[in-house]
Amino acid sequence: MRLDLVLKQSGIIKRRTVAKALAENGKIFVDGKVAKPSTEVKENSVLTLYLGIHLIEVEIHFELKGKKEVPTFIELSKKKVND
């Protein structure tokens, strides 16, 4: 599933346009690599997000709800960073 959709559907980021803008500005990493909005996110991928002064790491999992695969996440860490 696309990175921007995973962020929106999992509830990490409320708007897909915000997720897209963050990825385009190099603020999101998937498994340690800079990600574009269209980057494919797989089960157990680790996302690192720089949101303002916060650094958040989450692990992505997918659950079946009916016939749809819905992304969920487990927060691994959340830190304040000094820029």
PDB file of N, CA and C in Angstrom:
ATOM      1  N   MET A   1       0.853  -1.177   0.000  1.00  0.00           N
ATOM      2  CA  MET A   1       0.000   0.000   0.000  1.00  0.00           C
ATOM      3  C   MET A   1       0.898   1.239   0.000  1.00  0.00           C
ATOM      4  N   ARG A   2       0.476   2.281  -0.669  1.00  0.00           N
ATOM      5  CA  ARG A   2       1.231   3.532  -0.753  1.00  0.00           C
ATOM      6  C   ARG A   2       1.431   4.167   0.620  1.00  0.00           C
ATOM      7  N   LEU A   3       2.577   4.792   0.803  1.00  0.00           N
ATOM      8  CA  LEU A   3       2.908   5.437   2.075  1.00  0.00           C
ATOM      9  C   LEU A   3       1.866   6.467   2.493  1.00  0.00           C
ATOM     10  N   ASP A   4       1.459   7.346   1.590  1.00  0.00           N
ATOM     11  CA  ASP A   4       0.498   8.385   1.973  1.00  0.00           C
ATOM     12  C   ASP A   4      -0.842   7.790   2.403  1.00  0.00           C
ATOM     13  N   LEU A   5      -1.254   6.698   1.781  1.00  0.00           N
ATOM     14  CA  LEU A   5      -2.500   6.032   2.188  1.00  0.00           C
ATOM     15  C   LEU A   5      -2.363   5.342   3.543  1.00  0.00           C
ATOM     16  N   VAL A   6      -1.215   4.716   3.774  1.00  0.00           N
ATOM     17  CA  VAL A   6      -0.977   4.051   5.063  1.00  0.00           C
ATOM     18  C   VAL A   6      -1.049   5.065   6.197  1.00  0.00           C
ATOM     19  N   LEU A   7      -0.383   6.215   6.013  1.00  0.00           N
ATOM     20  CA  LEU A   7      -0.378   7.242   7.055  1.00  0.00           C
ATOM     21  C   LEU A   7      -1.783   7.764   7.329  1.00  0.00           C
ATOM     22  N   LYS A   8      -2.568   7.957   6.297  1.00  0.00           N
ATOM     23  CA  LYS A   8      -3.943   8.466   6.440  1.00  0.00           C
ATOM     24  C   LYS A   8      -4.849   7.413   7.069  1.00  0.00           C
ATOM     25  N   GLN A   9      -4.858   6.210   6.501  1.00  0.00           N
ATOM     26  CA  GLN A   9      -5.795   5.177   6.955  1.00  0.00           C
ATOM     27  C   GLN A   9      -5.471   4.641   8.348  1.00  0.00           C
ATOM     28  N   SER A  10      -4.205   4.688   8.740  1.00  0.00           N
ATOM     29  CA  SER A  10      -3.846   4.210  10.081  1.00  0.00           C
ATOM     30  C   SER A  10      -4.114   5.269  11.152  1.00  0.00           C
ATOM     31  N   GLY A  11      -4.277   6.527  10.723  1.00  0.00           N
ATOM     32  CA  GLY A  11      -4.553   7.601  11.662  1.00  0.00           C
ATOM     33  C   GLY A  11      -3.312   8.292  12.197  1.00  0.00           C
ATOM     34  N   ILE A  12      -2.140   7.953  11.662  1.00  0.00           N
ATOM     35  CA  ILE A  12      -0.916   8.612  12.101  1.00  0.00           C
ATOM     36  C   ILE A  12      -0.967  10.084  11.705  1.00  0.00           C
ATOM     37  N   ILE A  13      -1.410  10.344  10.480  1.00  0.00           N
ATOM     38  CA  ILE A  13      -1.591  11.701   9.969  1.00  0.00           C
ATOM     39  C   ILE A  13      -3.022  11.813   9.471  1.00  0.00           C
ATOM     40  N   LYS A  14      -3.686  12.915   9.798  1.00  0.00           N
ATOM     41  CA  LYS A  14      -5.119  13.041   9.528  1.00  0.00           C
ATOM     42  C   LYS A  14      -5.480  13.290   8.063  1.00  0.00           C
ATOM     43  N   ARG A  15      -4.586  13.920   7.304  1.00  0.00           N
ATOM     44  CA  ARG A  15      -4.893  14.251   5.908  1.00  0.00           C
ATOM     45  C   ARG A  15      -3.826  13.702   4.979  1.00  0.00           C
ATOM     46  N   ARG A  16      -4.288  13.128   3.876  1.00  0.00           N
ATOM     47  CA  ARG A  16      -3.368  12.545   2.896  1.00  0.00           C
ATOM     48  C   ARG A  16      -2.469  13.616   2.287  1.00  0.00           C
ATOM     49  N   THR A  17      -2.981  14.823   2.093  1.00  0.00           N
ATOM     50  CA  THR A  17      -2.169  15.893   1.504  1.00  0.00           C
ATOM     51  C   THR A  17      -1.018  16.271   2.429  1.00  0.00           C
ATOM     52  N   VAL A  18      -1.249  16.213   3.731  1.00  0.00           N
ATOM     53  CA  VAL A  18      -0.186  16.501   4.703  1.00  0.00           C
ATOM     54  C   VAL A  18       0.867  15.392   4.644  1.00  0.00           C
ATOM     55  N   ALA A  19       0.428  14.144   4.570  1.00  0.00           N
ATOM     56  CA  ALA A  19       1.353  13.010   4.466  1.00  0.00           C
ATOM     57  C   ALA A  19       2.198  13.132   3.199  1.00  0.00           C
ATOM     58  N   LYS A  20       1.562  13.507   2.114  1.00  0.00           N
ATOM     59  CA  LYS A  20       2.260  13.670   0.837  1.00  0.00           C
ATOM     60  C   LYS A  20       3.304  14.781   0.939  1.00  0.00           C
ATOM     61  N   ALA A  21       2.944  15.912   1.523  1.00  0.00           N
ATOM     62  CA  ALA A  21       3.872  17.041   1.658  1.00  0.00           C
ATOM     63  C   ALA A  21       5.072  16.665   2.533  1.00  0.00           C
ATOM     64  N   LEU A  22       4.842  15.970   3.639  1.00  0.00           N
ATOM     65  CA  LEU A  22       5.944  15.546   4.510  1.00  0.00           C
ATOM     66  C   LEU A  22       6.911  14.629   3.766  1.00  0.00           C
ATOM     67  N   ALA A  23       6.364  13.681   3.011  1.00  0.00           N
ATOM     68  CA  ALA A  23       7.209  12.750   2.260  1.00  0.00           C
ATOM     69  C   ALA A  23       8.002  13.487   1.182  1.00  0.00           C
ATOM     70  N   GLU A  24       7.372  14.413   0.495  1.00  0.00           N
ATOM     71  CA  GLU A  24       8.061  15.161  -0.558  1.00  0.00           C
ATOM     72  C   GLU A  24       9.180  16.030   0.004  1.00  0.00           C
ATOM     73  N   ASN A  25       9.082  16.427   1.275  1.00  0.00           N
ATOM     74  CA  ASN A  25      10.104  17.256   1.913  1.00  0.00           C
ATOM     75  C   ASN A  25      11.156  16.436   2.666  1.00  0.00           C
ATOM     76  N   GLY A  26      11.148  15.111   2.480  1.00  0.00           N
ATOM     77  CA  GLY A  26      12.164  14.258   3.088  1.00  0.00           C
ATOM     78  C   GLY A  26      12.028  14.065   4.574  1.00  0.00           C
ATOM     79  N   LYS A  27      10.811  14.189   5.109  1.00  0.00           N
ATOM     80  CA  LYS A  27      10.583  14.078   6.556  1.00  0.00           C
ATOM     81  C   LYS A  27      10.129  12.687   6.982  1.00  0.00           C
ATOM     82  N   ILE A  28      10.001  11.758   6.024  1.00  0.00           N
ATOM     83  CA  ILE A  28       9.535  10.408   6.337  1.00  0.00           C
ATOM     84  C   ILE A  28      10.512   9.392   5.746  1.00  0.00           C
ATOM     85  N   PHE A  29      10.853   8.397   6.556  1.00  0.00           N
ATOM     86  CA  PHE A  29      11.737   7.323   6.130  1.00  0.00           C
ATOM     87  C   PHE A  29      11.004   5.994   6.292  1.00  0.00           C
ATOM     88  N   VAL A  30      11.198   5.083   5.334  1.00  0.00           N
ATOM     89  CA  VAL A  30      10.651   3.731   5.428  1.00  0.00           C
ATOM     90  C   VAL A  30      11.841   2.787   5.486  1.00  0.00           C
ATOM     91  N   ASP A  31      11.947   2.060   6.570  1.00  0.00           N
ATOM     92  CA  ASP A  31      13.064   1.134   6.794  1.00  0.00           C
ATOM     93  C   ASP A  31      14.410   1.815   6.573  1.00  0.00           C
ATOM     94  N   GLY A  32      14.541   3.056   7.052  1.00  0.00           N
ATOM     95  CA  GLY A  32      15.803   3.776   7.006  1.00  0.00           C
ATOM     96  C   GLY A  32      16.110   4.505   5.716  1.00  0.00           C
ATOM     97  N   LYS A  33      15.204   4.452   4.741  1.00  0.00           N
ATOM     98  CA  LYS A  33      15.428   5.127   3.459  1.00  0.00           C
ATOM     99  C   LYS A  33      14.399   6.235   3.266  1.00  0.00           C
ATOM    100  N   VAL A  34      14.850   7.363   2.708  1.00  0.00           N
ATOM    101  CA  VAL A  34      13.935   8.475   2.445  1.00  0.00           C
ATOM    102  C   VAL A  34      12.814   7.973   1.534  1.00  0.00           C
ATOM    103  N   ALA A  35      11.573   8.324   1.876  1.00  0.00           N
ATOM    104  CA  ALA A  35      10.417   7.800   1.155  1.00  0.00           C
ATOM    105  C   ALA A  35       9.675   8.884   0.385  1.00  0.00           C
ATOM    106  N   LYS A  36       9.133   8.489  -0.748  1.00  0.00           N
ATOM    107  CA  LYS A  36       8.235   9.332  -1.532  1.00  0.00           C
ATOM    108  C   LYS A  36       6.803   8.946  -1.149  1.00  0.00           C
ATOM    109  N   PRO A  37       5.819   9.772  -1.493  1.00  0.00           N
ATOM    110  CA  PRO A  37       4.436   9.420  -1.157  1.00  0.00           C
ATOM    111  C   PRO A  37       3.990   8.082  -1.753  1.00  0.00           C
ATOM    112  N   SER A  38       4.580   7.695  -2.878  1.00  0.00           N
ATOM    113  CA  SER A  38       4.169   6.455  -3.551  1.00  0.00           C
ATOM    114  C   SER A  38       4.972   5.234  -3.110  1.00  0.00           C
ATOM    115  N   THR A  39       5.878   5.402  -2.148  1.00  0.00           N
ATOM    116  CA  THR A  39       6.683   4.273  -1.660  1.00  0.00           C
ATOM    117  C   THR A  39       5.772   3.179  -1.120  1.00  0.00           C
ATOM    118  N   GLU A  40       6.057   1.947  -1.496  1.00  0.00           N
ATOM    119  CA  GLU A  40       5.261   0.798  -1.051  1.00  0.00           C
ATOM    120  C   GLU A  40       5.620   0.447   0.388  1.00  0.00           C
ATOM    121  N   VAL A  41       4.615   0.372   1.244  1.00  0.00           N
ATOM    122  CA  VAL A  41       4.813  -0.002   2.652  1.00  0.00           C
ATOM    123  C   VAL A  41       4.297  -1.422   2.828  1.00  0.00           C
ATOM    124  N   LYS A  42       5.130  -2.262   3.430  1.00  0.00           N
ATOM    125  CA  LYS A  42       4.780  -3.669   3.617  1.00  0.00           C
ATOM    126  C   LYS A  42       4.616  -3.980   5.099  1.00  0.00           C
ATOM    127  N   GLU A  43       4.126  -5.157   5.385  1.00  0.00           N
ATOM    128  CA  GLU A  43       3.975  -5.640   6.759  1.00  0.00           C
ATOM    129  C   GLU A  43       5.313  -5.541   7.486  1.00  0.00           C
ATOM    130  N   ASN A  44       5.296  -5.065   8.718  1.00  0.00           N
ATOM    131  CA  ASN A  44       6.466  -4.918   9.587  1.00  0.00           C
ATOM    132  C   ASN A  44       7.449  -3.830   9.148  1.00  0.00           C
ATOM    133  N   SER A  45       7.070  -2.969   8.203  1.00  0.00           N
ATOM    134  CA  SER A  45       7.928  -1.844   7.836  1.00  0.00           C
ATOM    135  C   SER A  45       7.995  -0.873   9.008  1.00  0.00           C
ATOM    136  N   VAL A  46       9.167  -0.273   9.212  1.00  0.00           N
ATOM    137  CA  VAL A  46       9.345   0.721  10.264  1.00  0.00           C
ATOM    138  C   VAL A  46       9.377   2.092   9.612  1.00  0.00           C
ATOM    139  N   LEU A  47       8.461   2.966  10.031  1.00  0.00           N
ATOM    140  CA  LEU A  47       8.400   4.326   9.520  1.00  0.00           C
ATOM    141  C   LEU A  47       8.994   5.266  10.555  1.00  0.00           C
ATOM    142  N   THR A  48       9.826   6.183  10.094  1.00  0.00           N
ATOM    143  CA  THR A  48      10.390   7.228  10.943  1.00  0.00           C
ATOM    144  C   THR A  48       9.873   8.550  10.418  1.00  0.00           C
ATOM    145  N   LEU A  49       9.185   9.305  11.268  1.00  0.00           N
ATOM    146  CA  LEU A  49       8.580  10.572  10.853  1.00  0.00           C
ATOM    147  C   LEU A  49       9.132  11.717  11.686  1.00  0.00           C
ATOM    148  N   TYR A  50       9.504  12.787  11.001  1.00  0.00           N
ATOM    149  CA  TYR A  50       9.917  14.024  11.666  1.00  0.00           C
ATOM    150  C   TYR A  50       8.734  14.982  11.587  1.00  0.00           C
ATOM    151  N   LEU A  51       8.035  15.122  12.715  1.00  0.00           N
ATOM    152  CA  LEU A  51       6.844  15.968  12.777  1.00  0.00           C
ATOM    153  C   LEU A  51       7.133  17.140  13.708  1.00  0.00           C
ATOM    154  N   GLY A  52       7.484  18.275  13.128  1.00  0.00           N
ATOM    155  CA  GLY A  52       7.841  19.431  13.938  1.00  0.00           C
ATOM    156  C   GLY A  52       9.081  19.130  14.747  1.00  0.00           C
ATOM    157  N   ILE A  53       8.957  19.175  16.074  1.00  0.00           N
ATOM    158  CA  ILE A  53      10.108  18.883  16.927  1.00  0.00           C
ATOM    159  C   ILE A  53      10.098  17.436  17.425  1.00  0.00           C
ATOM    160  N   HIS A  54       9.197  16.616  16.911  1.00  0.00           N
ATOM    161  CA  HIS A  54       9.083  15.230  17.361  1.00  0.00           C
ATOM    162  C   HIS A  54       9.605  14.260  16.312  1.00  0.00           C
ATOM    163  N   LEU A  55      10.282  13.227  16.773  1.00  0.00           N
ATOM    164  CA  LEU A  55      10.720  12.111  15.954  1.00  0.00           C
ATOM    165  C   LEU A  55       9.913  10.907  16.416  1.00  0.00           C
ATOM    166  N   ILE A  56       9.149  10.335  15.504  1.00  0.00           N
ATOM    167  CA  ILE A  56       8.273   9.216  15.860  1.00  0.00           C
ATOM    168  C   ILE A  56       8.635   8.009  14.999  1.00  0.00           C
ATOM    169  N   GLU A  57       8.786   6.855  15.645  1.00  0.00           N
ATOM    170  CA  GLU A  57       9.016   5.606  14.926  1.00  0.00           C
ATOM    171  C   GLU A  57       7.843   4.670  15.189  1.00  0.00           C
ATOM    172  N   VAL A  58       7.295   4.124  14.107  1.00  0.00           N
ATOM    173  CA  VAL A  58       6.172   3.195  14.225  1.00  0.00           C
ATOM    174  C   VAL A  58       6.422   1.983  13.336  1.00  0.00           C
ATOM    175  N   GLU A  59       5.834   0.867  13.732  1.00  0.00           N
ATOM    176  CA  GLU A  59       5.892  -0.346  12.928  1.00  0.00           C
ATOM    177  C   GLU A  59       4.499  -0.579  12.359  1.00  0.00           C
ATOM    178  N   ILE A  60       4.433  -0.842  11.072  1.00  0.00           N
ATOM    179  CA  ILE A  60       3.145  -0.988  10.383  1.00  0.00           C
ATOM    180  C   ILE A  60       2.742  -2.451  10.287  1.00  0.00           C
ATOM    181  N   HIS A  61       1.466  -2.717  10.564  1.00  0.00           N
ATOM    182  CA  HIS A  61       0.869  -4.039  10.399  1.00  0.00           C
ATOM    183  C   HIS A  61      -0.436  -3.870   9.640  1.00  0.00           C
ATOM    184  N   PHE A  62      -0.892  -4.923   9.008  1.00  0.00           N
ATOM    185  CA  PHE A  62      -2.146  -4.872   8.260  1.00  0.00           C
ATOM    186  C   PHE A  62      -3.124  -5.890   8.831  1.00  0.00           C
ATOM    187  N   GLU A  63      -4.377  -5.452   9.026  1.00  0.00           N
ATOM    188  CA  GLU A  63      -5.444  -6.322   9.524  1.00  0.00           C
ATOM    189  C   GLU A  63      -6.514  -6.432   8.450  1.00  0.00           C
ATOM    190  N   LEU A  64      -7.132  -7.591   8.360  1.00  0.00           N
ATOM    191  CA  LEU A  64      -8.249  -7.762   7.441  1.00  0.00           C
ATOM    192  C   LEU A  64      -9.539  -7.375   8.142  1.00  0.00           C
ATOM    193  N   LYS A  65     -10.258  -6.455   7.555  1.00  0.00           N
ATOM    194  CA  LYS A  65     -11.585  -6.077   8.045  1.00  0.00           C
ATOM    195  C   LYS A  65     -12.531  -6.290   6.877  1.00  0.00           C
ATOM    196  N   GLY A  66     -13.272  -7.386   6.958  1.00  0.00           N
ATOM    197  CA  GLY A  66     -14.087  -7.769   5.807  1.00  0.00           C
ATOM    198  C   GLY A  66     -13.147  -8.224   4.708  1.00  0.00           C
ATOM    199  N   LYS A  67     -13.255  -7.580   3.555  1.00  0.00           N
ATOM    200  CA  LYS A  67     -12.371  -7.914   2.433  1.00  0.00           C
ATOM    201  C   LYS A  67     -11.242  -6.902   2.277  1.00  0.00           C
ATOM    202  N   LYS A  68     -11.223  -5.871   3.139  1.00  0.00           N
ATOM    203  CA  LYS A  68     -10.216  -4.819   3.026  1.00  0.00           C
ATOM    204  C   LYS A  68      -9.065  -5.040   3.991  1.00  0.00           C
ATOM    205  N   GLU A  69      -7.875  -4.670   3.535  1.00  0.00           N
ATOM    206  CA  GLU A  69      -6.692  -4.677   4.374  1.00  0.00           C
ATOM    207  C   GLU A  69      -6.529  -3.280   4.964  1.00  0.00           C
ATOM    208  N   VAL A  70      -6.547  -3.165   6.283  1.00  0.00           N
ATOM    209  CA  VAL A  70      -6.472  -1.868   6.958  1.00  0.00           C
ATOM    210  C   VAL A  70      -5.148  -1.773   7.713  1.00  0.00           C
ATOM    211  N   PRO A  71      -4.379  -0.691   7.476  1.00  0.00           N
ATOM    212  CA  PRO A  71      -3.110  -0.552   8.194  1.00  0.00           C
ATOM    213  C   PRO A  71      -3.311  -0.129   9.649  1.00  0.00           C
ATOM    214  N   THR A  72      -2.513  -0.703  10.524  1.00  0.00           N
ATOM    215  CA  THR A  72      -2.464  -0.311  11.933  1.00  0.00           C
ATOM    216  C   THR A  72      -0.994  -0.097  12.285  1.00  0.00           C
ATOM    217  N   PHE A  73      -0.743   0.489  13.443  1.00  0.00           N
ATOM    218  CA  PHE A  73       0.654   0.731  13.800  1.00  0.00           C
ATOM    219  C   PHE A  73       0.893   0.505  15.279  1.00  0.00           C
ATOM    220  N   ILE A  74       2.159   0.223  15.588  1.00  0.00           N
ATOM    221  CA  ILE A  74       2.637   0.124  16.957  1.00  0.00           C
ATOM    222  C   ILE A  74       3.710   1.188  17.100  1.00  0.00           C
ATOM    223  N   GLU A  75       3.545   2.088  18.062  1.00  0.00           N
ATOM    224  CA  GLU A  75       4.540   3.146  18.273  1.00  0.00           C
ATOM    225  C   GLU A  75       5.760   2.552  18.960  1.00  0.00           C
ATOM    226  N   LEU A  76       6.913   2.670  18.319  1.00  0.00           N
ATOM    227  CA  LEU A  76       8.157   2.145  18.872  1.00  0.00           C
ATOM    228  C   LEU A  76       8.857   3.176  19.744  1.00  0.00           C
ATOM    229  N   SER A  77       8.866   4.435  19.287  1.00  0.00           N
ATOM    230  CA  SER A  77       9.472   5.487  20.090  1.00  0.00           C
ATOM    231  C   SER A  77       8.948   6.849  19.669  1.00  0.00           C
ATOM    232  N   LYS A  78       9.057   7.789  20.600  1.00  0.00           N
ATOM    233  CA  LYS A  78       8.663   9.183  20.339  1.00  0.00           C
ATOM    234  C   LYS A  78       9.615  10.054  21.141  1.00  0.00           C
ATOM    235  N   LYS A  79      10.360  10.910  20.431  1.00  0.00           N
ATOM    236  CA  LYS A  79      11.346  11.764  21.089  1.00  0.00           C
ATOM    237  C   LYS A  79      11.198  13.192  20.600  1.00  0.00           C
ATOM    238  N   LYS A  80      11.676  14.104  21.408  1.00  0.00           N
ATOM    239  CA  LYS A  80      11.809  15.486  20.971  1.00  0.00           C
ATOM    240  C   LYS A  80      13.209  15.634  20.398  1.00  0.00           C
ATOM    241  N   VAL A  81      13.298  16.349  19.272  1.00  0.00           N
ATOM    242  CA  VAL A  81      14.615  16.591  18.666  1.00  0.00           C
ATOM    243  C   VAL A  81      14.859  18.093  18.639  1.00  0.00           C
ATOM    244  N   ASN A  82      16.095  18.465  18.772  1.00  0.00           N
ATOM    245  CA  ASN A  82      16.476  19.879  18.721  1.00  0.00           C
ATOM    246  C   ASN A  82      17.052  20.178  17.349  1.00  0.00           C
ATOM    247  N   ASP A  83      16.397  21.021  16.594  1.00  0.00           N
ATOM    248  CA  ASP A  83      16.885  21.391  15.254  1.00  0.00           C
ATOM    249  C   ASP A  83      17.734  22.609  15.307  1.00  0.00           C
TER     250      ASP A  83
END
